[in-house]
C-alpha cells in the first residue's frame, strides 16, 4: 500500500497544495505587533507612560521629544527577570505550568548638548541611543484531557478526504529514501494511521476511531522583538520640545508544540505523537515624531506618532509524527508492525513582509510641585492597517496571498485604544511610583468567548542623587488566551484549551549622570 516508486512525479502538485494559509499569517502579523510595556524601570513603574513625561532614557524609543529636557548626559542599564505562570483548562482538566527567564530590558546612552545663548530660542539639543525589549515571546503552558470525540489523526483524515486524493497520489506525498513526507496526511498515511476504504482510496478512515483519547500537550516559546533606536530632540524656549527617532527591530521567535494522543484500550495503536517547531527571524524599521508642550510650570501636554514597522521575515517550519503501533491488521487474521514508525516532514521555508500598525498617542503630566507628578496617556493602535505580503510565489499567487491576508486581517481584528495612568511621589532622594495600563482587545469578536484585553499593574521605588540613580520596578500582567491543537470540519468534534496567563516582570535600572 505504501510503495512510492514514482514519488517525485507528485512533488510539484504537493507544493501547490502546501501554499501558506492567509489566516495563519494574519495572526502572525498581530503576534509581532503587540507591545505591552517598554522602557526603564522608572517609566514602567508609572504604567509605561512615555507621551508627556520627559527627562528619562525611555523617551528614546517612546516620545523622543522627552530627550529635550536633558541638561546633562546619562548612561543606564536595565536587567530584568520575567516569571510566567499559566493555568490551562482543556475539556475536563486543569493544568498549571510556569518558568522564569532573565533578560536585558533596556540599555541607553543620552548625550546632552551644550546650552545655547540665553538670547537664542533653541536652548539645547540632545541625542540618544537605546536598546529596548519591545516584546517578549516567552511563554509556556501544558494541557491534558480525555477527548471522546477525536484525535489529531482525524485532522489528517479530513485533510485527505477534503483533497479527495487517491491512495496512489497520497503515496507520492512521501519520499521513502529520506523517510520524509511532504504533507501531514502523507505522513499519517505512511504510518497506517489513516487508511483507504475503497480500492481508489477515499473516503479515508482511521483505526481505533471509537476509542476515547487521552490527550497531553505542551507549548513553549522563546525569543523577543528588540529594537535599537537613535533619537534627536531639541528644546525651544523651554516651552516646546520636539524629537525624532529611527528604530531598527530584530525579531527572534521560536516555539515547540507537542501533542501526544493515547488511545484508551486501543486495538491497533496505543497512540501517536505530533511535534511542531517554528523558527522565525526578521528585521524591520520604523520612525517616531514627538512633541511635548509645557503649558505651565505644572502642566505638560505631549503627543507622538509612530509609523508602522516594516519588517522582512523568514520562517522555517518543522513537523514530526510518530506512531505507537500494536499491530496493523492484514485481512487474514494476521497483524504486522511497519518498519517506519516515525516520519519527519520536509522543512517549509517561507519569506514574507509584515507592515505593523500605526500608533498615535496623546497625554498629559501634572506636577505636584516638588512632591511628584501624575501622568496619563491614550494610545491608538491601528491593527486593521496591518499588511502581509510575499514574493516567493507566482505573481498571481503573491497577489492572492496579499489580498486574502488583508481580508482576513480586516475581518478578524479591530483598531484599539490603550489607556495608561501613573504617578510618582518624591521625598528627598527617595521615589515611590505606581501605574496601571489597560490594553484593548484587538479581536472584533470574542473567540471562544474570551476577552483578550490586558491589565498591567506596576509599582516601584527608586533613589536619585547628583551622579547616580537606581530604580526597582515590578509589573503584574494578567490576560486570557486560548490554544486549539487542531481544527475539524465539525466544531463539536475538537476542543480548545482556555488559558489564564499571569506574568510578573521585575527589573532594575541603574545609571549615572556625567
Protein backbone atom coordinates (compact mmCIF):
# COMPACT_ATOMS: atom_id res chain seq x y z
CA UNK A 1 0.00 0.00 0.00
CA UNK A 2 2.79 2.42 0.82
CA UNK A 3 5.06 1.69 -2.16
CA UNK A 4 6.28 5.04 -3.53
CA UNK A 5 8.22 4.26 -6.72
CA UNK A 6 7.33 7.46 -8.56
CA UNK A 7 7.08 9.89 -5.67
CA UNK A 8 8.86 12.74 -7.43
CA UNK A 9 6.15 12.94 -10.09
CA UNK A 10 3.86 14.42 -7.48
CA UNK A 11 6.27 16.87 -5.88
CA UNK A 12 5.05 19.85 -7.92
CA UNK A 13 1.39 19.19 -7.17
CA UNK A 14 2.12 18.71 -3.47
CA UNK A 15 3.97 22.04 -3.38
CA UNK A 16 0.91 23.76 -4.82
CA UNK A 17 -1.25 22.19 -2.13
CA UNK A 18 1.16 23.47 0.53
CA UNK A 19 0.76 27.19 -0.21
CA UNK A 20 0.67 29.22 3.01
CA UNK A 21 -2.73 29.89 4.54
CA UNK A 22 -3.61 33.58 4.74
CA UNK A 23 -5.29 33.23 8.15
CA UNK A 24 -2.11 31.92 9.72
CA UNK A 25 -0.12 34.98 8.65
CA UNK A 26 -2.83 37.40 9.73
CA UNK A 27 -2.31 36.09 13.27
CA UNK A 28 1.47 36.31 12.82
CA UNK A 29 1.07 39.99 11.98
CA UNK A 30 -0.70 40.51 15.31
CA UNK A 31 1.85 38.45 17.24
CA UNK A 32 4.74 40.60 16.03
CA UNK A 33 2.83 43.90 16.51
CA UNK A 34 1.54 43.82 20.10
CA UNK A 35 3.59 45.85 22.60
CA UNK A 36 2.83 45.75 26.33
CA UNK A 37 5.35 47.78 28.33
CA UNK A 38 8.77 49.17 27.41
CA UNK A 39 11.43 51.46 28.82
CA UNK A 40 13.34 51.87 32.06
CA UNK A 41 12.17 50.73 35.48
CA UNK A 42 11.00 54.26 36.25
CA UNK A 43 8.72 54.57 33.24
CA UNK A 44 7.40 51.03 33.52
CA UNK A 45 6.51 51.74 37.15
CA UNK A 46 4.23 54.62 36.12
CA UNK A 47 2.28 52.47 33.64
CA UNK A 48 4.56 52.83 30.63
CA UNK A 49 3.63 56.48 30.12
CA UNK A 50 6.04 57.88 27.53
CA UNK A 51 3.87 60.54 25.95
CA UNK A 52 4.04 63.63 28.18
CA UNK A 53 6.86 62.89 30.60
CA UNK A 54 10.45 63.58 29.58
CA UNK A 55 13.86 63.50 31.18
CA UNK A 56 14.16 59.69 31.05
CA UNK A 57 16.01 57.40 28.64
CA UNK A 58 12.68 55.68 27.86
CA UNK A 59 11.93 58.73 25.71
CA UNK A 60 14.39 57.47 23.09
CA UNK A 61 12.04 54.71 21.97
CA UNK A 62 8.87 56.32 23.39
CA UNK A 63 8.27 60.00 22.74
CA UNK A 64 11.69 61.28 21.59
CA UNK A 65 10.72 64.86 22.48
CA UNK A 66 11.42 63.91 26.10
CA UNK A 67 15.15 64.00 25.35
CA UNK A 68 14.86 67.78 25.07
CA UNK A 69 14.64 68.01 28.88
CA UNK A 70 18.18 66.69 29.40
CA UNK A 71 20.81 69.17 30.53
CA UNK A 72 23.48 66.54 31.28
CA UNK A 73 24.43 63.21 29.77
CA UNK A 74 23.37 59.82 31.12
CA UNK A 75 24.25 56.12 30.85
CA UNK A 76 21.87 53.45 32.14
CA UNK A 77 21.32 49.68 32.14
CA UNK A 78 18.12 47.75 32.94
CA UNK A 79 18.32 43.97 33.54
CA UNK A 80 15.08 42.12 34.28
CA UNK A 81 13.53 38.79 35.25
CA UNK A 82 10.20 37.58 33.90
CA UNK A 83 8.12 34.93 35.66
CA UNK A 84 5.31 33.29 33.70
CA UNK A 85 2.50 31.22 35.22
CA UNK A 86 -0.31 29.65 33.23
CA UNK A 87 -3.45 27.70 34.08
CA UNK A 88 -4.98 25.76 31.20
CA UNK A 89 -8.42 24.18 31.16
CA UNK A 90 -8.85 21.54 28.44
CA UNK A 91 -12.12 19.59 28.22
CA UNK A 92 -12.28 18.49 31.87
CA UNK A 93 -8.88 19.10 33.44
CA UNK A 94 -6.87 22.00 34.86
CA UNK A 95 -3.10 22.07 34.27
CA UNK A 96 -0.58 24.59 35.60
CA UNK A 97 2.85 25.50 34.30
CA UNK A 98 5.47 28.22 34.56
CA UNK A 99 9.04 29.40 34.09
CA UNK A 100 11.37 32.31 34.93
CA UNK A 101 13.77 33.87 32.43
CA UNK A 102 16.36 36.66 32.69
CA UNK A 103 16.68 39.33 30.00
CA UNK A 104 18.05 42.76 29.23
CA UNK A 105 15.05 45.08 29.09
CA UNK A 106 16.76 48.37 28.28
CA UNK A 107 20.17 49.98 27.84
CA UNK A 108 20.79 53.56 26.79
CA UNK A 109 23.15 56.47 26.31
CA UNK A 110 22.00 60.10 26.23
CA UNK A 111 24.37 62.85 25.14
CA UNK A 112 23.15 66.31 26.14
CA UNK A 113 24.34 69.22 24.07
CA UNK A 114 25.80 72.42 25.43
CA UNK A 115 23.46 75.21 26.50
CA UNK A 116 22.99 77.90 23.88
CA UNK A 117 22.99 81.64 24.41
CA UNK A 118 20.16 82.94 26.55
CA UNK A 119 19.14 85.11 23.58
CA UNK A 120 18.52 82.12 21.31
CA UNK A 121 15.14 80.43 21.24
CA UNK A 122 16.60 76.95 20.70
CA UNK A 123 18.12 76.31 24.11
CA UNK A 124 19.63 72.85 23.81
CA UNK A 125 19.64 69.64 21.78
CA UNK A 126 20.25 66.02 22.81
CA UNK A 127 20.83 62.72 21.09
CA UNK A 128 20.06 59.26 22.43
CA UNK A 129 20.84 55.66 21.58
CA UNK A 130 18.99 52.78 23.21
CA UNK A 131 18.47 49.04 23.07
CA UNK A 132 15.00 48.03 24.23
CA UNK A 133 12.98 44.85 24.51
CA UNK A 134 9.77 45.75 22.69
CA UNK A 135 8.10 42.34 23.01
CA UNK A 136 8.83 39.15 24.88
CA UNK A 137 7.76 35.90 23.24
CA UNK A 138 8.50 33.82 26.33
CA UNK A 139 5.57 31.53 27.08
CA UNK A 140 4.85 28.05 28.37
CA UNK A 141 1.69 26.08 29.01
CA UNK A 142 0.52 22.50 29.03
CA UNK A 143 -2.91 20.91 28.81
CA UNK A 144 -4.49 17.48 29.09
CA UNK A 145 -7.89 15.86 28.98
CA UNK A 146 -9.86 12.86 27.78
CA UNK A 147 -11.29 13.56 24.34
CA UNK A 148 -14.28 11.37 23.46
CA UNK A 149 -14.75 12.96 20.03
CA UNK A 150 -11.44 12.99 18.16
CA UNK A 151 -7.65 12.73 17.97
CA UNK A 152 -5.08 14.56 15.84
CA UNK A 153 -5.24 11.69 13.31
CA UNK A 154 -8.80 12.80 12.49
CA UNK A 155 -7.33 16.07 11.23
CA UNK A 156 -5.14 14.09 8.81
CA UNK A 157 -8.18 12.04 7.73
CA UNK A 158 -10.17 15.17 6.95
CA UNK A 159 -7.27 16.74 5.03
CA UNK A 160 -7.02 13.65 2.81
CA UNK A 161 -10.79 13.50 2.31
CA UNK A 162 -11.00 17.23 1.56
CA UNK A 163 -8.38 16.75 -1.16
CA UNK A 164 -10.33 13.71 -2.46
CA UNK A 165 -6.92 12.29 -3.28
CA UNK A 166 -6.33 8.72 -4.44
CA UNK A 167 -4.21 6.31 -2.44
CA UNK A 168 -1.73 6.24 -5.29
CA UNK A 169 -1.39 10.01 -5.25
CA UNK A 170 -1.17 10.06 -1.47
CA UNK A 171 1.84 7.75 -1.75
CA UNK A 172 3.56 10.50 -3.72
CA UNK A 173 3.45 12.73 -0.63
CA UNK A 174 6.27 10.65 0.85
CA UNK A 175 9.92 10.06 -0.04
CA UNK A 176 10.99 6.58 1.17
CA UNK A 177 14.66 7.35 0.59
CA UNK A 178 14.77 10.12 3.19
CA UNK A 179 11.69 8.92 5.11
CA UNK A 180 10.25 12.43 4.88
CA UNK A 181 6.72 13.46 3.97
CA UNK A 182 5.54 16.50 2.04
CA UNK A 183 2.15 16.78 3.79
CA UNK A 184 0.58 15.92 7.14
CA UNK A 185 -1.84 13.46 5.56
CA UNK A 186 1.01 11.86 3.64
CA UNK A 187 2.91 11.23 6.89
CA UNK A 188 -0.10 9.71 8.67
CA UNK A 189 -0.88 7.57 5.63
CA UNK A 190 2.60 6.07 5.63
CA UNK A 191 2.21 5.26 9.34
CA UNK A 192 -1.12 3.48 8.58
CA UNK A 193 -2.90 5.91 10.89
CA UNK A 194 -5.24 6.82 8.04
CA UNK A 195 -6.39 4.19 5.60
CA UNK A 196 -8.42 3.94 2.36
CA UNK A 197 -11.91 2.49 2.48
CA UNK A 198 -12.16 1.87 -1.29
CA UNK A 199 -9.88 0.48 -3.97
CA UNK A 200 -9.08 4.02 -5.14
CA UNK A 201 -8.69 5.43 -1.68
CA UNK A 202 -11.25 7.94 -0.39
CA UNK A 203 -13.03 8.25 1.89
CA UNK A 204 -10.27 7.59 4.39
CA UNK A 205 -10.72 6.34 7.95
CA UNK A 206 -8.56 5.58 10.96
CA UNK A 207 -8.36 2.64 13.33
CA UNK A 208 -9.50 2.95 16.96
CA UNK A 209 -11.90 5.74 15.97
CA UNK A 210 -14.38 4.59 18.64
CA UNK A 211 -11.82 4.75 21.45
CA UNK A 212 -11.54 7.71 23.84
CA UNK A 213 -8.25 9.56 23.57
CA UNK A 214 -6.20 10.85 26.46
CA UNK A 215 -4.52 13.97 25.09
CA UNK A 216 -1.46 15.68 26.61
CA UNK A 217 0.00 18.79 25.01
CA UNK A 218 2.83 21.20 25.75
CA UNK A 219 3.70 24.53 24.16
CA UNK A 220 6.83 26.55 24.84
CA UNK A 221 8.04 29.64 23.02
CA UNK A 222 11.14 31.79 23.36
CA UNK A 223 12.55 34.94 21.81
CA UNK A 224 11.89 38.65 21.67
CA UNK A 225 11.34 41.65 19.43
CA UNK A 226 14.19 44.04 20.25
CA UNK A 227 14.92 47.49 18.89
CA UNK A 228 17.94 49.75 18.53
CA UNK A 229 16.71 53.35 18.46
CA UNK A 230 18.52 56.56 17.51
CA UNK A 231 16.83 59.79 18.58
CA UNK A 232 17.40 63.54 18.36
CA UNK A 233 15.49 66.23 20.24
CA UNK A 234 15.52 69.97 20.76
CA UNK A 235 14.25 72.42 23.37
CA UNK A 236 12.59 75.56 22.02
CA UNK A 237 12.43 78.37 24.58
CA UNK A 238 11.89 75.89 27.46
CA UNK A 239 8.29 75.53 26.29
CA UNK A 240 8.20 73.28 23.24
CA UNK A 241 10.19 70.06 22.95
CA UNK A 242 10.47 68.31 19.58
CA UNK A 243 12.03 64.93 18.86
CA UNK A 244 12.58 62.42 16.06
CA UNK A 245 13.72 58.81 16.27
CA UNK A 246 14.52 55.93 13.95
CA UNK A 247 14.19 52.37 15.22
CA UNK A 248 15.69 49.15 13.86
CA UNK A 249 13.94 45.99 15.01
CA UNK A 250 15.13 42.41 15.29
CA UNK A 251 12.59 39.57 15.65
CA UNK A 252 13.67 36.23 17.07
CA UNK A 253 10.81 33.80 17.76
CA UNK A 254 10.80 30.04 18.31
CA UNK A 255 8.20 27.61 19.55
CA UNK A 256 7.82 23.87 20.08
CA UNK A 257 4.34 22.38 20.21
CA UNK A 258 3.86 18.72 21.15
CA UNK A 259 0.61 16.75 21.27
CA UNK A 260 0.51 13.15 22.48
CA UNK A 261 -2.61 11.07 21.86
CA UNK A 262 -3.09 7.85 23.87
CA UNK A 263 -5.98 5.68 22.69
CA UNK A 264 -7.75 4.13 25.66
CA UNK A 265 -7.76 0.33 25.16
CA UNK A 266 -6.60 0.77 21.58
CA UNK A 267 -6.50 -2.41 19.49
CA UNK A 268 -4.30 -1.27 16.58
CA UNK A 269 -2.45 1.74 18.01
CA UNK A 270 -1.55 2.70 21.54
CA UNK A 271 -1.29 6.29 20.38
CA UNK A 272 0.68 8.86 18.42
CA UNK A 273 2.79 11.99 18.92
CA UNK A 274 2.78 15.10 16.75
CA UNK A 275 5.56 17.70 17.15
CA UNK A 276 5.81 21.13 15.53
CA UNK A 277 8.80 23.50 15.60
CA UNK A 278 8.78 27.03 14.19
CA UNK A 279 11.84 29.28 13.88
CA UNK A 280 11.31 32.92 12.84
CA UNK A 281 13.92 35.60 12.18
CA UNK A 282 13.23 39.12 10.94
CA UNK A 283 14.40 42.71 10.69
CA UNK A 284 12.44 45.94 10.41
CA UNK A 285 12.47 49.69 10.88
CA UNK A 286 10.12 52.48 11.98
CA UNK A 287 10.13 56.18 12.79
CA UNK A 288 8.61 58.36 15.52
CA UNK A 289 7.81 62.06 15.74
CA UNK A 290 7.03 63.52 19.15
CA UNK A 291 6.10 66.83 20.78
CA UNK A 292 5.84 67.95 24.41
CA UNK A 293 4.47 71.37 25.28
CA UNK A 294 4.90 72.93 28.72
CA UNK A 295 1.59 74.74 29.06
CA UNK A 296 2.52 75.98 32.56
CA UNK A 297 5.14 75.16 35.19
CA UNK A 298 2.78 72.45 36.46
CA UNK A 299 1.27 71.05 33.25
CA UNK A 300 2.85 69.30 30.26
CA UNK A 301 1.00 68.06 27.18
CA UNK A 302 2.50 65.53 24.82
CA UNK A 303 1.78 63.71 21.59
CA UNK A 304 3.64 61.26 19.38
CA UNK A 305 3.06 59.24 16.26
CA UNK A 306 4.98 56.10 15.33
CA UNK A 307 4.96 54.82 11.79
CA UNK A 308 4.23 51.16 11.04
CA UNK A 309 7.24 48.88 11.42
CA UNK A 310 8.19 47.47 8.03
CA UNK A 311 9.67 44.02 8.64
CA UNK A 312 11.13 41.27 6.48
CA UNK A 313 10.58 37.82 7.96
CA UNK A 314 11.98 34.36 7.25
CA UNK A 315 10.44 31.33 8.92
CA UNK A 316 11.22 27.62 8.89
CA UNK A 317 8.56 25.14 9.96
CA UNK A 318 9.30 21.56 11.03
CA UNK A 319 6.92 18.71 11.82
CA UNK A 320 7.42 15.19 13.14
CA UNK A 321 4.91 12.34 13.52
CA UNK A 322 5.41 9.06 15.35
CA UNK A 323 3.05 6.14 15.95
CA UNK A 324 2.98 3.65 18.82
CA UNK A 325 1.80 0.53 16.97
CA UNK A 326 0.27 -2.62 18.46
CA UNK A 327 -0.29 -4.32 15.11
CA UNK A 328 -1.82 -3.44 11.75
CA UNK A 329 -4.49 -5.96 10.58
CA UNK A 330 -3.76 -7.54 7.16
CA UNK A 331 -7.22 -9.01 6.49
CA UNK A 332 -6.33 -12.65 7.15
CA UNK A 333 -6.34 -12.52 10.96
CA UNK A 334 -2.69 -11.51 10.86
CA UNK A 335 -1.07 -8.30 12.02
CA UNK A 336 2.25 -6.65 11.33
CA UNK A 337 4.28 -3.72 12.65
CA UNK A 338 5.61 -1.30 9.99
CA UNK A 339 9.34 -0.75 9.69
CA UNK A 340 8.78 3.03 9.82
CA UNK A 341 7.02 4.39 12.92
CA UNK A 342 8.46 7.92 12.87
CA UNK A 343 8.34 10.37 9.96
CA UNK A 344 9.74 13.87 9.57
CA UNK A 345 8.08 16.45 7.36
CA UNK A 346 10.05 18.28 4.69
CA UNK A 347 11.02 21.62 6.35
CA UNK A 348 9.00 24.51 4.97
CA UNK A 349 10.86 27.81 4.42
CA UNK A 350 8.84 30.94 3.72
CA UNK A 351 9.81 34.60 3.35
CA UNK A 352 7.29 37.40 3.81
CA UNK A 353 6.97 41.04 4.85
CA UNK A 354 4.81 42.50 7.60
CA UNK A 355 3.57 46.05 7.99
CA UNK A 356 2.64 46.57 11.65
CA UNK A 357 0.00 49.07 12.90
CA UNK A 358 0.47 52.80 13.05
CA UNK A 359 0.46 54.08 16.63
CA UNK A 360 -0.50 57.54 17.90
CA UNK A 361 -0.70 58.76 21.49
CA UNK A 362 -1.62 61.85 23.46
CA UNK A 363 -1.24 62.56 27.14
CA UNK A 364 -0.65 64.98 29.98
CA UNK A 365 1.52 65.23 33.09
CA UNK A 366 0.63 67.35 36.11
CA UNK A 367 3.41 68.15 38.57
CA UNK A 368 2.60 68.38 42.27
CA UNK A 369 5.28 70.93 42.97
CA UNK A 370 8.41 69.14 44.17
CA UNK A 371 6.37 66.26 45.62
CA UNK A 372 5.92 64.30 42.38
CA UNK A 373 3.53 64.09 39.45
CA UNK A 374 0.53 62.36 37.89
CA UNK A 375 0.66 61.31 34.24
CA UNK A 376 -1.70 59.65 31.81
CA UNK A 377 -1.94 58.82 28.13
CA UNK A 378 -4.26 57.43 25.47
CA UNK A 379 -2.79 55.37 22.65
CA UNK A 380 -4.45 54.48 19.35
CA UNK A 381 -3.28 51.29 17.59
CA UNK A 382 -4.49 50.74 14.02
CA UNK A 383 -4.48 46.93 13.84
CA UNK A 384 -6.71 46.93 10.77
CA UNK A 385 -3.92 48.64 8.85
CA UNK A 386 -1.60 45.62 9.14
CA UNK A 387 -0.41 44.00 5.92
CA UNK A 388 1.39 40.79 4.99
CA UNK A 389 2.85 40.07 1.56
CA UNK A 390 5.35 37.78 -0.13
CA UNK A 391 7.32 37.46 -3.37
CA UNK A 392 8.05 33.72 -3.06
CA UNK A 393 5.07 32.54 -5.09
CA UNK A 394 3.93 33.20 -8.63
CA UNK A 395 2.72 36.70 -9.50
CA UNK A 396 -0.94 35.71 -9.24
CA UNK A 397 -0.41 33.72 -6.03
CA UNK A 398 1.50 36.64 -4.47
CA UNK A 399 -1.46 38.89 -5.20
CA UNK A 400 -3.95 36.36 -3.87
CA UNK A 401 -1.90 35.85 -0.72
CA UNK A 402 -1.72 39.60 -0.07
CA UNK A 403 -5.43 40.18 -0.73
CA UNK A 404 -6.59 37.13 1.25
CA UNK A 405 -4.44 38.05 4.24
CA UNK A 406 -5.59 41.65 4.08
CA UNK A 407 -9.21 40.49 4.07
CA UNK A 408 -8.55 38.14 6.98
CA UNK A 409 -6.98 40.97 9.00
CA UNK A 410 -9.88 43.34 8.41
CA UNK A 411 -12.46 40.65 9.22
CA UNK A 412 -10.69 39.46 12.38
CA UNK A 413 -9.08 42.47 14.07
CA UNK A 414 -10.13 45.97 15.03
CA UNK A 415 -8.35 49.20 15.91
CA UNK A 416 -7.93 49.62 19.65
CA UNK A 417 -7.27 52.22 22.33
CA UNK A 418 -4.85 51.64 25.19
CA UNK A 419 -5.07 53.64 28.43
CA UNK A 420 -2.20 54.29 30.86
CA UNK A 421 -2.15 56.10 34.21
CA UNK A 422 0.65 56.52 36.73
CA UNK A 423 2.28 58.73 39.32
CA UNK A 424 5.44 59.37 41.30
CA UNK A 425 5.90 60.57 44.87
CA UNK A 426 9.17 62.30 45.81
CA UNK A 427 10.78 62.83 49.19
CA UNK A 428 14.40 63.89 49.12
CA UNK A 429 16.37 61.23 47.28
CA UNK A 430 13.54 58.70 47.57
CA UNK A 431 10.93 57.94 44.88
CA UNK A 432 7.79 55.78 45.03
CA UNK A 433 5.75 55.01 41.90
CA UNK A 434 2.62 53.17 40.78
CA UNK A 435 0.83 52.70 37.48
CA UNK A 436 -1.96 50.95 35.62
CA UNK A 437 -2.31 50.12 31.92
CA UNK A 438 -5.33 48.80 30.04
CA UNK A 439 -4.62 47.30 26.60
CA UNK A 440 -7.72 46.82 24.47
CA UNK A 441 -8.76 43.52 22.89
CA UNK A 442 -7.69 43.62 19.21
CA UNK A 443 -10.24 40.97 18.11
CA UNK A 444 -13.55 42.01 16.60
CA UNK A 445 -15.31 39.00 18.13
CA UNK A 446 -14.57 37.12 21.32
CA UNK A 447 -13.18 33.85 20.01
CA UNK A 448 -14.06 31.01 22.40
CA UNK A 449 -15.90 33.64 24.46
CA UNK A 450 -12.59 35.09 25.71
CA UNK A 451 -11.98 38.78 26.34
CA UNK A 452 -8.33 39.26 25.31
CA UNK A 453 -7.84 42.72 26.78
CA UNK A 454 -4.94 43.05 29.23
CA UNK A 455 -4.45 44.76 32.58
CA UNK A 456 -0.93 45.66 33.75
CA UNK A 457 -0.36 46.73 37.36
CA UNK A 458 3.02 48.25 38.19
CA UNK A 459 4.80 49.70 41.22
CA UNK A 460 8.34 50.64 42.09
CA UNK A 461 10.77 52.59 44.20
CA UNK A 462 13.99 54.44 43.48
CA UNK A 463 16.70 56.74 44.68
CA UNK A 464 18.14 59.64 42.71
CA UNK A 465 21.29 61.55 43.62
CA UNK A 466 23.55 64.05 41.94
CA UNK A 467 25.59 61.48 39.99
CA UNK A 468 23.81 58.15 40.43
CA UNK A 469 20.31 56.70 40.34
CA UNK A 470 18.72 53.27 40.84
CA UNK A 471 15.09 52.18 40.31
CA UNK A 472 13.34 48.89 41.06
CA UNK A 473 10.00 48.01 39.48
CA UNK A 474 7.58 45.09 39.35
CA UNK A 475 4.82 44.73 36.74
CA UNK A 476 1.96 42.23 37.03
CA UNK A 477 0.19 41.33 33.79
CA UNK A 478 -2.93 39.20 33.60
CA UNK A 479 -4.86 38.17 30.49
CA UNK A 480 -6.73 35.28 28.92
CA UNK A 481 -5.95 33.36 25.75
CA UNK A 482 -6.82 30.09 24.03
CA UNK A 483 -5.00 27.36 22.13
CA UNK A 484 -6.53 24.91 19.67
CA UNK A 485 -4.34 21.87 18.85
CA UNK A 486 -6.21 21.14 15.60
CA UNK A 487 -9.41 22.09 13.81
CA UNK A 488 -12.02 19.74 12.26
CA UNK A 489 -14.98 20.34 9.97
CA UNK A 490 -17.42 19.93 12.86
CA UNK A 491 -16.63 22.38 15.71
CA UNK A 492 -18.19 19.95 18.16
CA UNK A 493 -15.51 17.34 17.42
CA UNK A 494 -12.49 19.26 18.73
CA UNK A 495 -11.61 21.29 21.80
CA UNK A 496 -9.58 24.34 22.77
CA UNK A 497 -7.52 25.00 25.89
CA UNK A 498 -8.62 28.12 27.77
CA UNK A 499 -5.54 29.70 29.34
CA UNK A 500 -5.26 32.14 32.23
CA UNK A 501 -1.91 33.92 31.92
CA UNK A 502 -0.15 35.67 34.79
CA UNK A 503 3.20 37.37 34.29
CA UNK A 504 5.43 39.19 36.76
CA UNK A 505 8.29 41.26 35.38
CA UNK A 506 10.87 42.54 37.88
CA UNK A 507 13.54 44.94 36.65
CA UNK A 508 16.15 47.29 37.99
CA UNK A 509 17.61 50.32 36.26
CA UNK A 510 20.96 51.70 37.36
CA UNK A 511 22.56 54.74 35.80
CA UNK A 512 24.94 57.60 36.15
CA UNK A 513 24.98 61.24 35.05
CA UNK A 514 28.07 62.81 33.52
